[in-house]
Amino acid sequence: SLLIVFHLRHDPEARAMRYLGLLLFWGGLAQPVYALLLADWHLW
């Protein structure tokens, strides 16, 4: 969390969009595996 804050101190608009794209893309790929690890398929 702190690393993201430090990076967004400079040019936050452009960097925020890049961060969002990366976090949502890789987080989306991880979500089914994350749900399976919890065993209950808590996709919510």
ModelCIF file with pLDDT and N, C-alpha, C, O atoms, coordinates in Angstrom:
data_MODEL
#
_entry.id   MODEL 
#
_entity.id                         1 
_entity.type                       polymer 
_entity.pdbx_number_of_molecules   1 
#
_entity_poly.entity_id                      1 
_entity_poly.type                           'polypeptide(L)' 
_entity_poly.nstd_linkage                   no 
_entity_poly.nstd_monomer                   no 
_entity_poly.pdbx_seq_one_letter_code       SLLIVFHLRHDPEARAMRYLGLLLFWGGLAQPVYALLLADWHLW 
_entity_poly.pdbx_seq_one_letter_code_can   SLLIVFHLRHDPEARAMRYLGLLLFWGGLAQPVYALLLADWHLW 
_entity_poly.pdbx_strand_id                 A 
#
loop_
_entity_poly_seq.entity_id 
_entity_poly_seq.num 
_entity_poly_seq.mon_id 
_entity_poly_seq.hetero 
1 1  SER n 
1 2  LEU n 
1 3  LEU n 
1 4  ILE n 
1 5  VAL n 
1 6  PHE n 
1 7  HIS n 
1 8  LEU n 
1 9  ARG n 
1 10 HIS n 
1 11 ASP n 
1 12 PRO n 
1 13 GLU n 
1 14 ALA n 
1 15 ARG n 
1 16 ALA n 
1 17 MET n 
1 18 ARG n 
1 19 TYR n 
1 20 LEU n 
1 21 GLY n 
1 22 LEU n 
1 23 LEU n 
1 24 LEU n 
1 25 PHE n 
1 26 TRP n 
1 27 GLY n 
1 28 GLY n 
1 29 LEU n 
1 30 ALA n 
1 31 GLN n 
1 32 PRO n 
1 33 VAL n 
1 34 TYR n 
1 35 ALA n 
1 36 LEU n 
1 37 LEU n 
1 38 LEU n 
1 39 ALA n 
1 40 ASP n 
1 41 TRP n 
1 42 HIS n 
1 43 LEU n 
1 44 TRP n 
#
_struct_asym.id          A 
_struct_asym.entity_id   1 
#
loop_
_ma_qa_metric.id 
_ma_qa_metric.mode 
_ma_qa_metric.name 
_ma_qa_metric.software_group_id 
_ma_qa_metric.type 
1 global pLDDT . pLDDT 
2 local  pLDDT . pLDDT 
#
_ma_qa_metric_global.metric_id      1 
_ma_qa_metric_global.metric_value   86.89 
_ma_qa_metric_global.model_id       1 
_ma_qa_metric_global.ordinal_id     1 
#
loop_
_ma_qa_metric_local.label_asym_id 
_ma_qa_metric_local.label_comp_id 
_ma_qa_metric_local.label_seq_id 
_ma_qa_metric_local.metric_id 
_ma_qa_metric_local.metric_value 
_ma_qa_metric_local.model_id 
_ma_qa_metric_local.ordinal_id 
A SER 1  2 96.00 1 1  
A LEU 2  2 96.00 1 2  
A LEU 3  2 95.00 1 3  
A ILE 4  2 95.00 1 4  
A VAL 5  2 95.00 1 5  
A PHE 6  2 93.00 1 6  
A HIS 7  2 91.00 1 7  
A LEU 8  2 92.00 1 8  
A ARG 9  2 85.00 1 9  
A HIS 10 2 79.00 1 10 
A ASP 11 2 75.00 1 11 
A PRO 12 2 74.00 1 12 
A GLU 13 2 80.00 1 13 
A ALA 14 2 82.00 1 14 
A ARG 15 2 89.00 1 15 
A ALA 16 2 92.00 1 16 
A MET 17 2 92.00 1 17 
A ARG 18 2 92.00 1 18 
A TYR 19 2 93.00 1 19 
A LEU 20 2 94.00 1 20 
A GLY 21 2 95.00 1 21 
A LEU 22 2 95.00 1 22 
A LEU 23 2 96.00 1 23 
A LEU 24 2 96.00 1 24 
A PHE 25 2 97.00 1 25 
A TRP 26 2 96.00 1 26 
A GLY 27 2 96.00 1 27 
A GLY 28 2 95.00 1 28 
A LEU 29 2 95.00 1 29 
A ALA 30 2 95.00 1 30 
A GLN 31 2 93.00 1 31 
A PRO 32 2 92.00 1 32 
A VAL 33 2 92.00 1 33 
A TYR 34 2 92.00 1 34 
A ALA 35 2 89.00 1 35 
A LEU 36 2 88.00 1 36 
A LEU 37 2 86.00 1 37 
A LEU 38 2 75.00 1 38 
A ALA 39 2 55.00 1 39 
A ASP 40 2 61.00 1 40 
A TRP 41 2 57.00 1 41 
A HIS 42 2 64.00 1 42 
A LEU 43 2 66.00 1 43 
A TRP 44 2 77.00 1 44 
#
loop_
_atom_site.group_PDB 
_atom_site.id 
_atom_site.type_symbol 
_atom_site.label_atom_id 
_atom_site.label_alt_id 
_atom_site.label_comp_id 
_atom_site.label_asym_id 
_atom_site.label_entity_id 
_atom_site.label_seq_id 
_atom_site.pdbx_PDB_ins_code 
_atom_site.Cartn_x 
_atom_site.Cartn_y 
_atom_site.Cartn_z 
_atom_site.occupancy 
_atom_site.B_iso_or_equiv 
_atom_site.pdbx_formal_charge 
_atom_site.auth_seq_id 
_atom_site.auth_comp_id 
_atom_site.auth_asym_id 
_atom_site.auth_atom_id 
_atom_site.pdbx_PDB_model_num 
ATOM 1   N N  . SER A 1 1  ? 0.831   -1.209  0.000   1.00 96.00 ? 1  SER A N  1 
ATOM 2   C CA . SER A 1 1  ? 0.000   0.000   0.000   1.00 96.00 ? 1  SER A CA 1 
ATOM 3   C C  . SER A 1 1  ? 0.862   1.254   0.000   1.00 96.00 ? 1  SER A C  1 
ATOM 4   O O  . SER A 1 1  ? 0.580   2.204   -0.730  1.00 96.00 ? 1  SER A O  1 
ATOM 5   N N  . LEU A 1 2  ? 1.898   1.259   0.807   1.00 96.00 ? 2  LEU A N  1 
ATOM 6   C CA . LEU A 1 2  ? 2.779   2.421   0.867   1.00 96.00 ? 2  LEU A CA 1 
ATOM 7   C C  . LEU A 1 2  ? 3.540   2.623   -0.434  1.00 96.00 ? 2  LEU A C  1 
ATOM 8   O O  . LEU A 1 2  ? 3.729   3.761   -0.864  1.00 96.00 ? 2  LEU A O  1 
ATOM 9   N N  . LEU A 1 3  ? 3.974   1.555   -1.059  1.00 95.00 ? 3  LEU A N  1 
ATOM 10  C CA . LEU A 1 3  ? 4.693   1.690   -2.328  1.00 95.00 ? 3  LEU A CA 1 
ATOM 11  C C  . LEU A 1 3  ? 3.803   2.325   -3.381  1.00 95.00 ? 3  LEU A C  1 
ATOM 12  O O  . LEU A 1 3  ? 4.256   3.167   -4.156  1.00 95.00 ? 3  LEU A O  1 
ATOM 13  N N  . ILE A 1 4  ? 2.545   1.927   -3.411  1.00 95.00 ? 4  ILE A N  1 
ATOM 14  C CA . ILE A 1 4  ? 1.607   2.533   -4.360  1.00 95.00 ? 4  ILE A CA 1 
ATOM 15  C C  . ILE A 1 4  ? 1.436   4.020   -4.064  1.00 95.00 ? 4  ILE A C  1 
ATOM 16  O O  . ILE A 1 4  ? 1.442   4.844   -4.979  1.00 95.00 ? 4  ILE A O  1 
ATOM 17  N N  . VAL A 1 5  ? 1.284   4.357   -2.801  1.00 95.00 ? 5  VAL A N  1 
ATOM 18  C CA . VAL A 1 5  ? 1.125   5.767   -2.417  1.00 95.00 ? 5  VAL A CA 1 
ATOM 19  C C  . VAL A 1 5  ? 2.350   6.580   -2.837  1.00 95.00 ? 5  VAL A C  1 
ATOM 20  O O  . VAL A 1 5  ? 2.207   7.667   -3.397  1.00 95.00 ? 5  VAL A O  1 
ATOM 21  N N  . PHE A 1 6  ? 3.535   6.070   -2.575  1.00 93.00 ? 6  PHE A N  1 
ATOM 22  C CA . PHE A 1 6  ? 4.754   6.798   -2.939  1.00 93.00 ? 6  PHE A CA 1 
ATOM 23  C C  . PHE A 1 6  ? 4.837   7.015   -4.444  1.00 93.00 ? 6  PHE A C  1 
ATOM 24  O O  . PHE A 1 6  ? 5.225   8.092   -4.897  1.00 93.00 ? 6  PHE A O  1 
ATOM 25  N N  . HIS A 1 7  ? 4.474   5.999   -5.219  1.00 91.00 ? 7  HIS A N  1 
ATOM 26  C CA . HIS A 1 7  ? 4.546   6.123   -6.673  1.00 91.00 ? 7  HIS A CA 1 
ATOM 27  C C  . HIS A 1 7  ? 3.492   7.084   -7.214  1.00 91.00 ? 7  HIS A C  1 
ATOM 28  O O  . HIS A 1 7  ? 3.726   7.760   -8.215  1.00 91.00 ? 7  HIS A O  1 
ATOM 29  N N  . LEU A 1 8  ? 2.343   7.148   -6.565  1.00 92.00 ? 8  LEU A N  1 
ATOM 30  C CA . LEU A 1 8  ? 1.265   8.015   -7.047  1.00 92.00 ? 8  LEU A CA 1 
ATOM 31  C C  . LEU A 1 8  ? 1.424   9.469   -6.602  1.00 92.00 ? 8  LEU A C  1 
ATOM 32  O O  . LEU A 1 8  ? 0.605   10.317  -6.957  1.00 92.00 ? 8  LEU A O  1 
ATOM 33  N N  . ARG A 1 9  ? 2.452   9.756   -5.840  1.00 85.00 ? 9  ARG A N  1 
ATOM 34  C CA . ARG A 1 9  ? 2.688   11.168  -5.488  1.00 85.00 ? 9  ARG A CA 1 
ATOM 35  C C  . ARG A 1 9  ? 3.020   11.985  -6.718  1.00 85.00 ? 9  ARG A C  1 
ATOM 36  O O  . ARG A 1 9  ? 2.719   13.177  -6.768  1.00 85.00 ? 9  ARG A O  1 
ATOM 37  N N  . HIS A 1 10 ? 3.636   11.362  -7.712  1.00 79.00 ? 10 HIS A N  1 
ATOM 38  C CA . HIS A 1 10 ? 4.056   12.051  -8.924  1.00 79.00 ? 10 HIS A CA 1 
ATOM 39  C C  . HIS A 1 10 ? 3.209   11.564  -10.092 1.00 79.00 ? 10 HIS A C  1 
ATOM 40  O O  . HIS A 1 10 ? 3.097   10.359  -10.315 1.00 79.00 ? 10 HIS A O  1 
ATOM 41  N N  . ASP A 1 11 ? 2.619   12.479  -10.832 1.00 75.00 ? 11 ASP A N  1 
ATOM 42  C CA . ASP A 1 11 ? 1.773   12.169  -11.989 1.00 75.00 ? 11 ASP A CA 1 
ATOM 43  C C  . ASP A 1 11 ? 0.700   11.142  -11.620 1.00 75.00 ? 11 ASP A C  1 
ATOM 44  O O  . ASP A 1 11 ? 0.625   10.081  -12.239 1.00 75.00 ? 11 ASP A O  1 
ATOM 45  N N  . PRO A 1 12 ? -0.122  11.445  -10.628 1.00 74.00 ? 12 PRO A N  1 
ATOM 46  C CA . PRO A 1 12 ? -1.067  10.435  -10.124 1.00 74.00 ? 12 PRO A CA 1 
ATOM 47  C C  . PRO A 1 12 ? -2.119  10.000  -11.131 1.00 74.00 ? 12 PRO A C  1 
ATOM 48  O O  . PRO A 1 12 ? -2.536  8.842   -11.118 1.00 74.00 ? 12 PRO A O  1 
ATOM 49  N N  . GLU A 1 13 ? -2.561  10.911  -12.012 1.00 80.00 ? 13 GLU A N  1 
ATOM 50  C CA . GLU A 1 13 ? -3.622  10.523  -12.942 1.00 80.00 ? 13 GLU A CA 1 
ATOM 51  C C  . GLU A 1 13 ? -3.150  9.439   -13.897 1.00 80.00 ? 13 GLU A C  1 
ATOM 52  O O  . GLU A 1 13 ? -3.815  8.413   -14.039 1.00 80.00 ? 13 GLU A O  1 
ATOM 53  N N  . ALA A 1 14 ? -2.018  9.648   -14.555 1.00 82.00 ? 14 ALA A N  1 
ATOM 54  C CA . ALA A 1 14 ? -1.513  8.663   -15.512 1.00 82.00 ? 14 ALA A CA 1 
ATOM 55  C C  . ALA A 1 14 ? -1.097  7.376   -14.810 1.00 82.00 ? 14 ALA A C  1 
ATOM 56  O O  . ALA A 1 14 ? -1.410  6.280   -15.276 1.00 82.00 ? 14 ALA A O  1 
ATOM 57  N N  . ARG A 1 15 ? -0.398  7.509   -13.701 1.00 89.00 ? 15 ARG A N  1 
ATOM 58  C CA . ARG A 1 15 ? 0.072   6.316   -12.992 1.00 89.00 ? 15 ARG A CA 1 
ATOM 59  C C  . ARG A 1 15 ? -1.082  5.524   -12.404 1.00 89.00 ? 15 ARG A C  1 
ATOM 60  O O  . ARG A 1 15 ? -1.040  4.294   -12.372 1.00 89.00 ? 15 ARG A O  1 
ATOM 61  N N  . ALA A 1 16 ? -2.113  6.219   -11.937 1.00 92.00 ? 16 ALA A N  1 
ATOM 62  C CA . ALA A 1 16 ? -3.261  5.521   -11.355 1.00 92.00 ? 16 ALA A CA 1 
ATOM 63  C C  . ALA A 1 16 ? -3.930  4.626   -12.384 1.00 92.00 ? 16 ALA A C  1 
ATOM 64  O O  . ALA A 1 16 ? -4.324  3.505   -12.065 1.00 92.00 ? 16 ALA A O  1 
ATOM 65  N N  . MET A 1 17 ? -4.062  5.100   -13.602 1.00 92.00 ? 17 MET A N  1 
ATOM 66  C CA . MET A 1 17 ? -4.689  4.283   -14.642 1.00 92.00 ? 17 MET A CA 1 
ATOM 67  C C  . MET A 1 17 ? -3.836  3.061   -14.970 1.00 92.00 ? 17 MET A C  1 
ATOM 68  O O  . MET A 1 17 ? -4.365  1.976   -15.210 1.00 92.00 ? 17 MET A O  1 
ATOM 69  N N  . ARG A 1 18 ? -2.533  3.236   -14.979 1.00 92.00 ? 18 ARG A N  1 
ATOM 70  C CA . ARG A 1 18 ? -1.657  2.078   -15.225 1.00 92.00 ? 18 ARG A CA 1 
ATOM 71  C C  . ARG A 1 18 ? -1.770  1.078   -14.087 1.00 92.00 ? 18 ARG A C  1 
ATOM 72  O O  . ARG A 1 18 ? -1.870  -0.126  -14.319 1.00 92.00 ? 18 ARG A O  1 
ATOM 73  N N  . TYR A 1 19 ? -1.754  1.573   -12.866 1.00 93.00 ? 19 TYR A N  1 
ATOM 74  C CA . TYR A 1 19 ? -1.900  0.694   -11.705 1.00 93.00 ? 19 TYR A CA 1 
ATOM 75  C C  . TYR A 1 19 ? -3.218  -0.067  -11.765 1.00 93.00 ? 19 TYR A C  1 
ATOM 76  O O  . TYR A 1 19 ? -3.255  -1.278  -11.549 1.00 93.00 ? 19 TYR A O  1 
ATOM 77  N N  . LEU A 1 20 ? -4.297  0.648   -12.057 1.00 94.00 ? 20 LEU A N  1 
ATOM 78  C CA . LEU A 1 20 ? -5.606  0.004   -12.101 1.00 94.00 ? 20 LEU A CA 1 
ATOM 79  C C  . LEU A 1 20 ? -5.645  -1.094  -13.150 1.00 94.00 ? 20 LEU A C  1 
ATOM 80  O O  . LEU A 1 20 ? -6.171  -2.179  -12.903 1.00 94.00 ? 20 LEU A O  1 
ATOM 81  N N  . GLY A 1 21 ? -5.085  -0.811  -14.326 1.00 95.00 ? 21 GLY A N  1 
ATOM 82  C CA . GLY A 1 21 ? -5.072  -1.818  -15.371 1.00 95.00 ? 21 GLY A CA 1 
ATOM 83  C C  . GLY A 1 21 ? -4.330  -3.076  -14.947 1.00 95.00 ? 21 GLY A C  1 
ATOM 84  O O  . GLY A 1 21 ? -4.816  -4.187  -15.154 1.00 95.00 ? 21 GLY A O  1 
ATOM 85  N N  . LEU A 1 22 ? -3.157  -2.905  -14.355 1.00 95.00 ? 22 LEU A N  1 
ATOM 86  C CA . LEU A 1 22 ? -2.357  -4.056  -13.935 1.00 95.00 ? 22 LEU A CA 1 
ATOM 87  C C  . LEU A 1 22 ? -3.008  -4.813  -12.771 1.00 95.00 ? 22 LEU A C  1 
ATOM 88  O O  . LEU A 1 22 ? -3.084  -6.042  -12.782 1.00 95.00 ? 22 LEU A O  1 
ATOM 89  N N  . LEU A 1 23 ? -3.472  -4.066  -11.775 1.00 96.00 ? 23 LEU A N  1 
ATOM 90  C CA . LEU A 1 23 ? -4.075  -4.716  -10.612 1.00 96.00 ? 23 LEU A CA 1 
ATOM 91  C C  . LEU A 1 23 ? -5.347  -5.469  -10.981 1.00 96.00 ? 23 LEU A C  1 
ATOM 92  O O  . LEU A 1 23 ? -5.564  -6.586  -10.511 1.00 96.00 ? 23 LEU A O  1 
ATOM 93  N N  . LEU A 1 24 ? -6.183  -4.870  -11.812 1.00 96.00 ? 24 LEU A N  1 
ATOM 94  C CA . LEU A 1 24 ? -7.440  -5.522  -12.178 1.00 96.00 ? 24 LEU A CA 1 
ATOM 95  C C  . LEU A 1 24 ? -7.205  -6.699  -13.115 1.00 96.00 ? 24 LEU A C  1 
ATOM 96  O O  . LEU A 1 24 ? -7.897  -7.712  -13.017 1.00 96.00 ? 24 LEU A O  1 
ATOM 97  N N  . PHE A 1 25 ? -6.240  -6.581  -14.021 1.00 97.00 ? 25 PHE A N  1 
ATOM 98  C CA . PHE A 1 25 ? -5.963  -7.691  -14.942 1.00 97.00 ? 25 PHE A CA 1 
ATOM 99  C C  . PHE A 1 25 ? -5.428  -8.907  -14.188 1.00 97.00 ? 25 PHE A C  1 
ATOM 100 O O  . PHE A 1 25 ? -5.974  -10.003 -14.304 1.00 97.00 ? 25 PHE A O  1 
ATOM 101 N N  . TRP A 1 26 ? -4.370  -8.711  -13.424 1.00 96.00 ? 26 TRP A N  1 
ATOM 102 C CA . TRP A 1 26 ? -3.766  -9.842  -12.719 1.00 96.00 ? 26 TRP A CA 1 
ATOM 103 C C  . TRP A 1 26 ? -4.630  -10.305 -11.551 1.00 96.00 ? 26 TRP A C  1 
ATOM 104 O O  . TRP A 1 26 ? -4.660  -11.492 -11.223 1.00 96.00 ? 26 TRP A O  1 
ATOM 105 N N  . GLY A 1 27 ? -5.328  -9.366  -10.928 1.00 96.00 ? 27 GLY A N  1 
ATOM 106 C CA . GLY A 1 27 ? -6.269  -9.755  -9.881  1.00 96.00 ? 27 GLY A CA 1 
ATOM 107 C C  . GLY A 1 27 ? -7.425  -10.561 -10.441 1.00 96.00 ? 27 GLY A C  1 
ATOM 108 O O  . GLY A 1 27 ? -7.899  -11.496 -9.795  1.00 96.00 ? 27 GLY A O  1 
ATOM 109 N N  . GLY A 1 28 ? -7.884  -10.211 -11.637 1.00 95.00 ? 28 GLY A N  1 
ATOM 110 C CA . GLY A 1 28 ? -8.947  -10.980 -12.277 1.00 95.00 ? 28 GLY A CA 1 
ATOM 111 C C  . GLY A 1 28 ? -8.502  -12.393 -12.609 1.00 95.00 ? 28 GLY A C  1 
ATOM 112 O O  . GLY A 1 28 ? -9.270  -13.342 -12.452 1.00 95.00 ? 28 GLY A O  1 
ATOM 113 N N  . LEU A 1 29 ? -7.255  -12.539 -13.072 1.00 95.00 ? 29 LEU A N  1 
ATOM 114 C CA . LEU A 1 29 ? -6.725  -13.873 -13.345 1.00 95.00 ? 29 LEU A CA 1 
ATOM 115 C C  . LEU A 1 29 ? -6.609  -14.701 -12.064 1.00 95.00 ? 29 LEU A C  1 
ATOM 116 O O  . LEU A 1 29 ? -6.817  -15.915 -12.070 1.00 95.00 ? 29 LEU A O  1 
ATOM 117 N N  . ALA A 1 30 ? -6.276  -14.021 -10.974 1.00 95.00 ? 30 ALA A N  1 
ATOM 118 C CA . ALA A 1 30 ? -6.071  -14.728 -9.704  1.00 95.00 ? 30 ALA A CA 1 
ATOM 119 C C  . ALA A 1 30 ? -7.377  -15.082 -9.009  1.00 95.00 ? 30 ALA A C  1 
ATOM 120 O O  . ALA A 1 30 ? -7.391  -15.983 -8.170  1.00 95.00 ? 30 ALA A O  1 
ATOM 121 N N  . GLN A 1 31 ? -8.478  -14.399 -9.331  1.00 93.00 ? 31 GLN A N  1 
ATOM 122 C CA . GLN A 1 31 ? -9.697  -14.552 -8.561  1.00 93.00 ? 31 GLN A CA 1 
ATOM 123 C C  . GLN A 1 31 ? -10.241 -15.984 -8.515  1.00 93.00 ? 31 GLN A C  1 
ATOM 124 O O  . GLN A 1 31 ? -10.592 -16.442 -7.428  1.00 93.00 ? 31 GLN A O  1 
ATOM 125 N N  . PRO A 1 32 ? -10.330 -16.719 -9.633  1.00 92.00 ? 32 PRO A N  1 
ATOM 126 C CA . PRO A 1 32 ? -10.814 -18.104 -9.534  1.00 92.00 ? 32 PRO A CA 1 
ATOM 127 C C  . PRO A 1 32 ? -9.925  -18.985 -8.656  1.00 92.00 ? 32 PRO A C  1 
ATOM 128 O O  . PRO A 1 32 ? -10.419 -19.814 -7.892  1.00 92.00 ? 32 PRO A O  1 
ATOM 129 N N  . VAL A 1 33 ? -8.611  -18.797 -8.772  1.00 92.00 ? 33 VAL A N  1 
ATOM 130 C CA . VAL A 1 33 ? -7.687  -19.583 -7.951  1.00 92.00 ? 33 VAL A CA 1 
ATOM 131 C C  . VAL A 1 33 ? -7.840  -19.197 -6.482  1.00 92.00 ? 33 VAL A C  1 
ATOM 132 O O  . VAL A 1 33 ? -7.846  -20.061 -5.605  1.00 92.00 ? 33 VAL A O  1 
ATOM 133 N N  . TYR A 1 34 ? -7.961  -17.913 -6.221  1.00 92.00 ? 34 TYR A N  1 
ATOM 134 C CA . TYR A 1 34 ? -8.182  -17.414 -4.861  1.00 92.00 ? 34 TYR A CA 1 
ATOM 135 C C  . TYR A 1 34 ? -9.433  -18.036 -4.260  1.00 92.00 ? 34 TYR A C  1 
ATOM 136 O O  . TYR A 1 34 ? -9.424  -18.464 -3.106  1.00 92.00 ? 34 TYR A O  1 
ATOM 137 N N  . ALA A 1 35 ? -10.516 -18.088 -5.046  1.00 89.00 ? 35 ALA A N  1 
ATOM 138 C CA . ALA A 1 35 ? -11.768 -18.665 -4.560  1.00 89.00 ? 35 ALA A CA 1 
ATOM 139 C C  . ALA A 1 35 ? -11.622 -20.156 -4.281  1.00 89.00 ? 35 ALA A C  1 
ATOM 140 O O  . ALA A 1 35 ? -12.169 -20.657 -3.299  1.00 89.00 ? 35 ALA A O  1 
ATOM 141 N N  . LEU A 1 36 ? -10.899 -20.863 -5.125  1.00 88.00 ? 36 LEU A N  1 
ATOM 142 C CA . LEU A 1 36 ? -10.687 -22.290 -4.908  1.00 88.00 ? 36 LEU A CA 1 
ATOM 143 C C  . LEU A 1 36 ? -9.844  -22.558 -3.668  1.00 88.00 ? 36 LEU A C  1 
ATOM 144 O O  . LEU A 1 36 ? -10.088 -23.524 -2.944  1.00 88.00 ? 36 LEU A O  1 
ATOM 145 N N  . LEU A 1 37 ? -8.852  -21.704 -3.421  1.00 86.00 ? 37 LEU A N  1 
ATOM 146 C CA . LEU A 1 37 ? -8.031  -21.877 -2.221  1.00 86.00 ? 37 LEU A CA 1 
ATOM 147 C C  . LEU A 1 37 ? -8.872  -21.733 -0.955  1.00 86.00 ? 37 LEU A C  1 
ATOM 148 O O  . LEU A 1 37 ? -8.625  -22.405 0.046   1.00 86.00 ? 37 LEU A O  1 
ATOM 149 N N  . LEU A 1 38 ? -9.866  -20.850 -1.010  1.00 75.00 ? 38 LEU A N  1 
ATOM 150 C CA . LEU A 1 38 ? -10.755 -20.697 0.142   1.00 75.00 ? 38 LEU A CA 1 
ATOM 151 C C  . LEU A 1 38 ? -11.740 -21.843 0.255   1.00 75.00 ? 38 LEU A C  1 
ATOM 152 O O  . LEU A 1 38 ? -12.402 -22.005 1.281   1.00 75.00 ? 38 LEU A O  1 
ATOM 153 N N  . ALA A 1 39 ? -11.838 -22.640 -0.802  1.00 55.00 ? 39 ALA A N  1 
ATOM 154 C CA . ALA A 1 39 ? -12.615 -23.885 -0.825  1.00 55.00 ? 39 ALA A CA 1 
ATOM 155 C C  . ALA A 1 39 ? -14.119 -23.683 -0.925  1.00 55.00 ? 39 ALA A C  1 
ATOM 156 O O  . ALA A 1 39 ? -14.836 -24.615 -1.290  1.00 55.00 ? 39 ALA A O  1 
ATOM 157 N N  . ASP A 1 40 ? -14.612 -22.502 -0.615  1.00 61.00 ? 40 ASP A N  1 
ATOM 158 C CA . ASP A 1 40 ? -16.050 -22.288 -0.633  1.00 61.00 ? 40 ASP A CA 1 
ATOM 159 C C  . ASP A 1 40 ? -16.534 -21.587 -1.894  1.00 61.00 ? 40 ASP A C  1 
ATOM 160 O O  . ASP A 1 40 ? -17.721 -21.287 -2.024  1.00 61.00 ? 40 ASP A O  1 
ATOM 161 N N  . TRP A 1 41 ? -15.631 -21.327 -2.813  1.00 57.00 ? 41 TRP A N  1 
ATOM 162 C CA . TRP A 1 41 ? -15.972 -20.593 -4.035  1.00 57.00 ? 41 TRP A CA 1 
ATOM 163 C C  . TRP A 1 41 ? -16.652 -19.268 -3.702  1.00 57.00 ? 41 TRP A C  1 
ATOM 164 O O  . TRP A 1 41 ? -17.690 -18.923 -4.266  1.00 57.00 ? 41 TRP A O  1 
ATOM 165 N N  . HIS A 1 42 ? -16.040 -18.537 -2.772  1.00 64.00 ? 42 HIS A N  1 
ATOM 166 C CA . HIS A 1 42 ? -16.551 -17.218 -2.404  1.00 64.00 ? 42 HIS A CA 1 
ATOM 167 C C  . HIS A 1 42 ? -16.138 -16.204 -3.467  1.00 64.00 ? 42 HIS A C  1 
ATOM 168 O O  . HIS A 1 42 ? -15.242 -15.392 -3.237  1.00 64.00 ? 42 HIS A O  1 
ATOM 169 N N  . LEU A 1 43 ? -16.780 -16.248 -4.617  1.00 66.00 ? 43 LEU A N  1 
ATOM 170 C CA . LEU A 1 43 ? -16.426 -15.333 -5.689  1.00 66.00 ? 43 LEU A CA 1 
ATOM 171 C C  . LEU A 1 43 ? -16.786 -13.893 -5.349  1.00 66.00 ? 43 LEU A C  1 
ATOM 172 O O  . LEU A 1 43 ? -16.287 -12.958 -5.976  1.00 66.00 ? 43 LEU A O  1 
ATOM 173 N N  . TRP A 1 44 ? -17.642 -13.720 -4.368  1.00 77.00 ? 44 TRP A N  1 
ATOM 174 C CA . TRP A 1 44 ? -18.022 -12.365 -3.968  1.00 77.00 ? 44 TRP A CA 1 
ATOM 175 C C  . TRP A 1 44 ? -16.955 -11.708 -3.106  1.00 77.00 ? 44 TRP A C  1 
ATOM 176 O O  . TRP A 1 44 ? -17.119 -10.564 -2.684  1.00 77.00 ? 44 TRP A O  1 
#
